[in-house]
Amino acid sequence: MSEPAIEVEKLTIGWGDLVLMQDLDFTVPRGTVFAILGGSGSGKSTLLRNMIGLETPKGGSVRIHAESTGVPPFGVLFQSAALFGSMTVGENVALPLRQWTALDDASIDAIVNAKLALVGLADAVRLLPAEISGGMKKRAGIARALALDPTIIFLDEPSAGLDPVTSVELDHLIRTLTDALGVTAVLVTHELPSIYAIVNECIMLDREARGIIARGDPRELREHSTDPRVANFLNRHSDEA
């Protein structure tokens, strides 16, 4: 088995007196595309926010295994890309470089251009987010997530809101980048085409169980799971929530 990129132990998440998920235990193998699955309201995005430190767990731990280099060991693609509308695409990608490094402007510009070329947006550096499509915004968000050369990237609903063709293109980009760069990708998604196209391993959350009800290769779970909740989710029509 591959060594872990992330280890989650006895993690309990929620707000105030509400416990959304409790005692979550799972490992994300290094170099894989790992998915957090579950129905609407099951806590997928909340779990991701706890994993990256935007929310504080009620208990347990998240250990991210990466070399300490003085910069964040991971990058994040937020839902809807979360680009700053008053800044150009290039300026958005440059943000983490300006915040976490002492590089000069010429070096930052070179890195920004390289990252945008990597995601197929070499000609968008001077455009504003309002001037590009939804798929291009997601690509720009991925370029920003990769700006500091992280070993792990988190992607929250990367294909949400995209048409089928653009979604397939984005899936291909994610798979190509993770394979080429050796990056571990953790994504939250409910999109079945994406799950079966690029995911190596997954966990599935259930709100009523307040925990993980399945884990493994999603294709094997689709064919062999005897849990009706898992089977129904993985065999539903792609447009069902």
Protein backbone atom coordinates (compact mmCIF):
# COMPACT_ATOMS: atom_id res chain seq x y z
CA MET A 1 0.00 0.00 0.00
CA SER A 2 1.15 3.52 -0.79
CA GLU A 3 2.34 5.61 2.12
CA PRO A 4 -0.27 8.07 3.39
CA ALA A 5 -0.48 11.68 2.28
CA ILE A 6 -3.20 12.39 4.87
CA GLU A 7 -4.32 10.51 7.98
CA VAL A 8 -7.65 11.31 9.63
CA GLU A 9 -8.24 9.80 13.07
CA LYS A 10 -11.34 9.91 15.28
CA LEU A 11 -12.41 13.15 13.60
CA THR A 12 -15.66 14.64 14.86
CA ILE A 13 -17.11 17.66 13.06
CA GLY A 14 -20.08 19.94 13.56
CA TRP A 15 -21.09 23.26 15.07
CA GLY A 16 -22.10 24.06 18.63
CA ASP A 17 -24.09 21.14 20.01
CA LEU A 18 -24.64 19.65 16.54
CA VAL A 19 -22.47 16.67 15.65
CA LEU A 20 -22.51 16.19 11.88
CA MET A 21 -19.97 13.37 11.65
CA GLN A 22 -18.18 11.54 14.43
CA ASP A 23 -15.12 9.34 14.83
CA LEU A 24 -14.10 9.44 11.17
CA ASP A 25 -11.06 7.31 10.42
CA PHE A 26 -9.51 7.14 6.95
CA THR A 27 -6.23 7.47 5.10
CA VAL A 28 -5.56 9.17 1.78
CA PRO A 29 -2.79 7.28 -0.06
CA ARG A 30 -0.10 9.40 -1.64
CA GLY A 31 -0.40 10.00 -5.37
CA THR A 32 -4.07 9.05 -5.66
CA VAL A 33 -7.25 10.87 -6.60
CA PHE A 34 -9.36 10.41 -3.47
CA ALA A 35 -13.04 11.37 -3.34
CA ILE A 36 -15.34 12.29 -0.47
CA LEU A 37 -18.82 11.19 -1.53
CA GLY A 38 -22.29 11.43 -0.05
CA GLY A 39 -25.74 12.82 -0.56
CA SER A 40 -26.72 16.45 -0.22
CA GLY A 41 -26.16 17.71 3.32
CA SER A 42 -24.05 14.73 4.34
CA GLY A 43 -21.10 16.91 5.36
CA LYS A 44 -18.71 16.48 2.44
CA SER A 45 -17.66 20.12 2.13
CA THR A 46 -17.66 20.55 5.91
CA LEU A 47 -15.25 17.63 6.20
CA LEU A 48 -13.00 19.21 3.58
CA ARG A 49 -13.03 22.55 5.42
CA ASN A 50 -12.00 20.77 8.61
CA MET A 51 -9.22 18.96 6.78
CA ILE A 52 -7.72 22.19 5.44
CA GLY A 53 -8.12 24.11 8.70
CA LEU A 54 -10.91 26.52 7.76
CA GLU A 55 -13.04 24.99 10.52
CA THR A 56 -11.95 23.52 13.84
CA PRO A 57 -12.89 19.90 14.51
CA LYS A 58 -14.83 19.05 17.63
CA GLY A 59 -12.42 16.19 18.20
CA GLY A 60 -9.81 13.98 16.59
CA SER A 61 -6.97 14.90 14.27
CA VAL A 62 -5.94 15.48 10.65
CA ARG A 63 -2.29 14.81 9.85
CA ILE A 64 -0.96 16.02 6.52
CA HIS A 65 2.36 14.42 5.60
CA ALA A 66 4.47 16.89 3.67
CA GLU A 67 7.89 18.46 3.94
CA SER A 68 7.96 21.68 5.94
CA THR A 69 9.07 24.37 3.47
CA GLY A 70 7.55 27.46 5.05
CA VAL A 71 4.60 27.51 2.65
CA PRO A 72 1.28 25.66 2.83
CA PRO A 73 1.70 21.99 1.84
CA PHE A 74 -1.55 21.99 -0.10
CA GLY A 75 -3.56 24.09 -2.54
CA VAL A 76 -7.32 24.47 -2.70
CA LEU A 77 -9.86 24.87 -5.49
CA PHE A 78 -12.97 26.27 -3.83
CA GLN A 79 -16.50 25.92 -5.16
CA SER A 80 -17.09 28.28 -8.11
CA ALA A 81 -13.29 28.82 -8.16
CA ALA A 82 -13.59 31.83 -5.78
CA LEU A 83 -11.53 34.15 -7.97
CA PHE A 84 -11.35 37.82 -6.99
CA GLY A 85 -13.42 39.66 -9.58
CA SER A 86 -11.46 42.91 -9.47
CA MET A 87 -8.16 41.15 -10.22
CA THR A 88 -6.98 39.63 -13.47
CA VAL A 89 -6.58 35.88 -13.83
CA GLY A 90 -2.82 36.33 -13.56
CA GLU A 91 -3.12 38.41 -10.41
CA ASN A 92 -5.35 35.77 -8.85
CA VAL A 93 -2.79 33.06 -9.51
CA ALA A 94 -0.02 35.30 -8.17
CA LEU A 95 -1.75 35.83 -4.81
CA PRO A 96 -0.27 32.86 -2.91
CA LEU A 97 3.17 33.62 -4.35
CA ARG A 98 3.00 37.20 -3.08
CA GLN A 99 1.69 36.10 0.31
CA TRP A 100 4.03 33.20 1.01
CA THR A 101 7.27 33.95 -0.87
CA ALA A 102 9.76 36.78 -1.25
CA LEU A 103 10.11 36.28 -5.00
CA ASP A 104 10.55 39.33 -7.20
CA ASP A 105 7.92 40.38 -9.73
CA ALA A 106 9.71 38.85 -12.70
CA SER A 107 9.94 35.46 -11.00
CA ILE A 108 6.29 35.58 -9.95
CA ASP A 109 5.23 36.50 -13.48
CA ALA A 110 7.21 33.57 -14.88
CA ILE A 111 5.59 31.12 -12.45
CA VAL A 112 2.12 32.51 -13.11
CA ASN A 113 2.58 32.15 -16.86
CA ALA A 114 3.86 28.59 -16.43
CA LYS A 115 0.94 27.55 -14.21
CA LEU A 116 -1.63 29.07 -16.56
CA ALA A 117 0.00 27.32 -19.52
CA LEU A 118 -0.18 24.07 -17.55
CA VAL A 119 -3.99 24.34 -17.36
CA GLY A 120 -4.44 25.64 -20.91
CA LEU A 121 -4.96 29.32 -20.05
CA ALA A 122 -1.77 30.89 -21.36
CA ASP A 123 -3.74 33.61 -23.16
CA ALA A 124 -5.99 34.51 -20.19
CA VAL A 125 -3.40 36.10 -17.90
CA ARG A 126 -4.71 39.66 -18.37
CA LEU A 127 -8.41 38.83 -18.48
CA LEU A 128 -10.82 39.45 -15.62
CA PRO A 129 -12.85 36.53 -14.22
CA ALA A 130 -16.00 38.06 -15.70
CA GLU A 131 -14.43 37.74 -19.15
CA ILE A 132 -13.89 33.97 -19.03
CA SER A 133 -16.20 30.95 -18.96
CA GLY A 134 -17.08 28.82 -15.96
CA GLY A 135 -14.74 26.07 -17.05
CA MET A 136 -11.90 28.55 -17.51
CA LYS A 137 -12.53 29.90 -14.01
CA LYS A 138 -12.13 26.38 -12.60
CA ARG A 139 -8.88 25.98 -14.55
CA ALA A 140 -7.63 29.31 -13.21
CA GLY A 141 -8.53 28.16 -9.71
CA ILE A 142 -6.50 24.99 -10.24
CA ALA A 143 -3.55 27.06 -11.48
CA ARG A 144 -3.75 29.14 -8.28
CA ALA A 145 -3.96 25.96 -6.19
CA LEU A 146 -0.75 24.74 -7.87
CA ALA A 147 1.11 28.05 -7.60
CA LEU A 148 3.27 26.99 -4.64
CA ASP A 149 3.97 23.49 -6.03
CA PRO A 150 2.01 21.68 -3.30
CA THR A 151 2.07 17.93 -2.86
CA ILE A 152 -1.68 17.83 -2.16
CA ILE A 153 -4.62 19.68 -3.72
CA PHE A 154 -8.17 19.84 -2.41
CA LEU A 155 -10.99 20.39 -4.91
CA ASP A 156 -14.51 21.22 -3.75
CA GLU A 157 -17.09 20.21 -6.39
CA PRO A 158 -14.75 20.93 -9.33
CA SER A 159 -17.29 19.93 -12.00
CA ALA A 160 -20.36 21.55 -10.43
CA GLY A 161 -22.25 23.84 -12.79
CA LEU A 162 -20.33 22.84 -15.89
CA ASP A 163 -21.78 21.40 -19.06
CA PRO A 164 -20.93 17.73 -19.76
CA VAL A 165 -18.22 18.43 -22.33
CA THR A 166 -16.44 20.99 -20.14
CA SER A 167 -16.76 18.66 -17.15
CA VAL A 168 -15.07 15.83 -19.05
CA GLU A 169 -12.28 18.18 -20.11
CA LEU A 170 -11.75 19.29 -16.50
CA ASP A 171 -11.70 15.67 -15.29
CA HIS A 172 -9.04 14.89 -17.89
CA LEU A 173 -7.00 17.90 -16.75
CA ILE A 174 -7.16 16.85 -13.08
CA ARG A 175 -6.12 13.29 -13.88
CA THR A 176 -3.33 14.46 -16.21
CA LEU A 177 -1.95 16.92 -13.66
CA THR A 178 -1.99 14.45 -10.77
CA ASP A 179 -0.27 11.81 -12.87
CA ALA A 180 2.33 14.20 -14.31
CA LEU A 181 3.12 16.08 -11.10
CA GLY A 182 2.71 13.25 -8.61
CA VAL A 183 0.18 15.32 -6.67
CA THR A 184 -2.39 13.79 -4.34
CA ALA A 185 -5.88 15.11 -5.08
CA VAL A 186 -8.76 15.09 -2.59
CA LEU A 187 -12.07 16.06 -4.14
CA VAL A 188 -15.61 16.51 -2.95
CA THR A 189 -18.07 15.56 -5.66
CA HIS A 190 -21.40 13.95 -6.40
CA GLU A 191 -20.84 13.81 -10.17
CA LEU A 192 -20.86 10.13 -11.19
CA PRO A 193 -19.00 10.61 -14.52
CA SER A 194 -16.16 12.32 -12.65
CA ILE A 195 -16.13 9.67 -9.94
CA TYR A 196 -15.77 6.80 -12.40
CA ALA A 197 -13.38 8.64 -14.71
CA ILE A 198 -10.66 9.79 -12.32
CA VAL A 199 -11.14 8.56 -8.72
CA ASN A 200 -8.88 5.81 -7.34
CA GLU A 201 -10.39 5.52 -3.88
CA CYS A 202 -13.29 7.06 -2.00
CA ILE A 203 -15.20 7.23 1.23
CA MET A 204 -18.95 7.73 1.38
CA LEU A 205 -20.57 9.72 4.18
CA ASP A 206 -24.11 9.24 5.44
CA ARG A 207 -25.90 11.93 7.44
CA GLU A 208 -28.11 9.58 9.44
CA ALA A 209 -25.23 7.27 10.30
CA ARG A 210 -23.04 10.31 11.09
CA GLY A 211 -20.10 8.45 9.65
CA ILE A 212 -18.50 6.55 6.80
CA ILE A 213 -20.67 3.80 5.32
CA ALA A 214 -18.35 2.72 2.48
CA ARG A 215 -14.77 3.01 1.33
CA GLY A 216 -12.73 1.69 -1.55
CA ASP A 217 -12.68 1.81 -5.36
CA PRO A 218 -15.99 3.39 -6.43
CA ARG A 219 -16.29 1.06 -9.42
CA GLU A 220 -16.04 -1.99 -7.15
CA LEU A 221 -18.47 -0.48 -4.67
CA ARG A 222 -20.94 0.15 -7.49
CA GLU A 223 -20.83 -3.50 -8.53
CA HIS A 224 -20.49 -5.29 -5.19
CA SER A 225 -21.79 -3.18 -2.29
CA THR A 226 -24.65 -4.81 -0.41
CA ASP A 227 -25.56 -1.58 1.36
CA PRO A 228 -28.61 -0.13 -0.43
CA ARG A 229 -27.56 3.42 0.42
CA VAL A 230 -24.24 2.91 -1.36
CA ALA A 231 -25.72 0.98 -4.27
CA ASN A 232 -28.45 3.56 -4.84
CA PHE A 233 -26.01 6.46 -4.78
CA LEU A 234 -23.50 4.89 -7.16
CA ASN A 235 -26.09 3.49 -9.58
CA ARG A 236 -28.37 6.52 -9.79
CA HIS A 237 -28.80 8.62 -12.90
CA SER A 238 -26.05 11.24 -13.20
CA ASP A 239 -28.50 14.15 -12.90
CA GLU A 240 -29.97 13.00 -9.58
CA ALA A 241 -28.76 14.93 -6.53
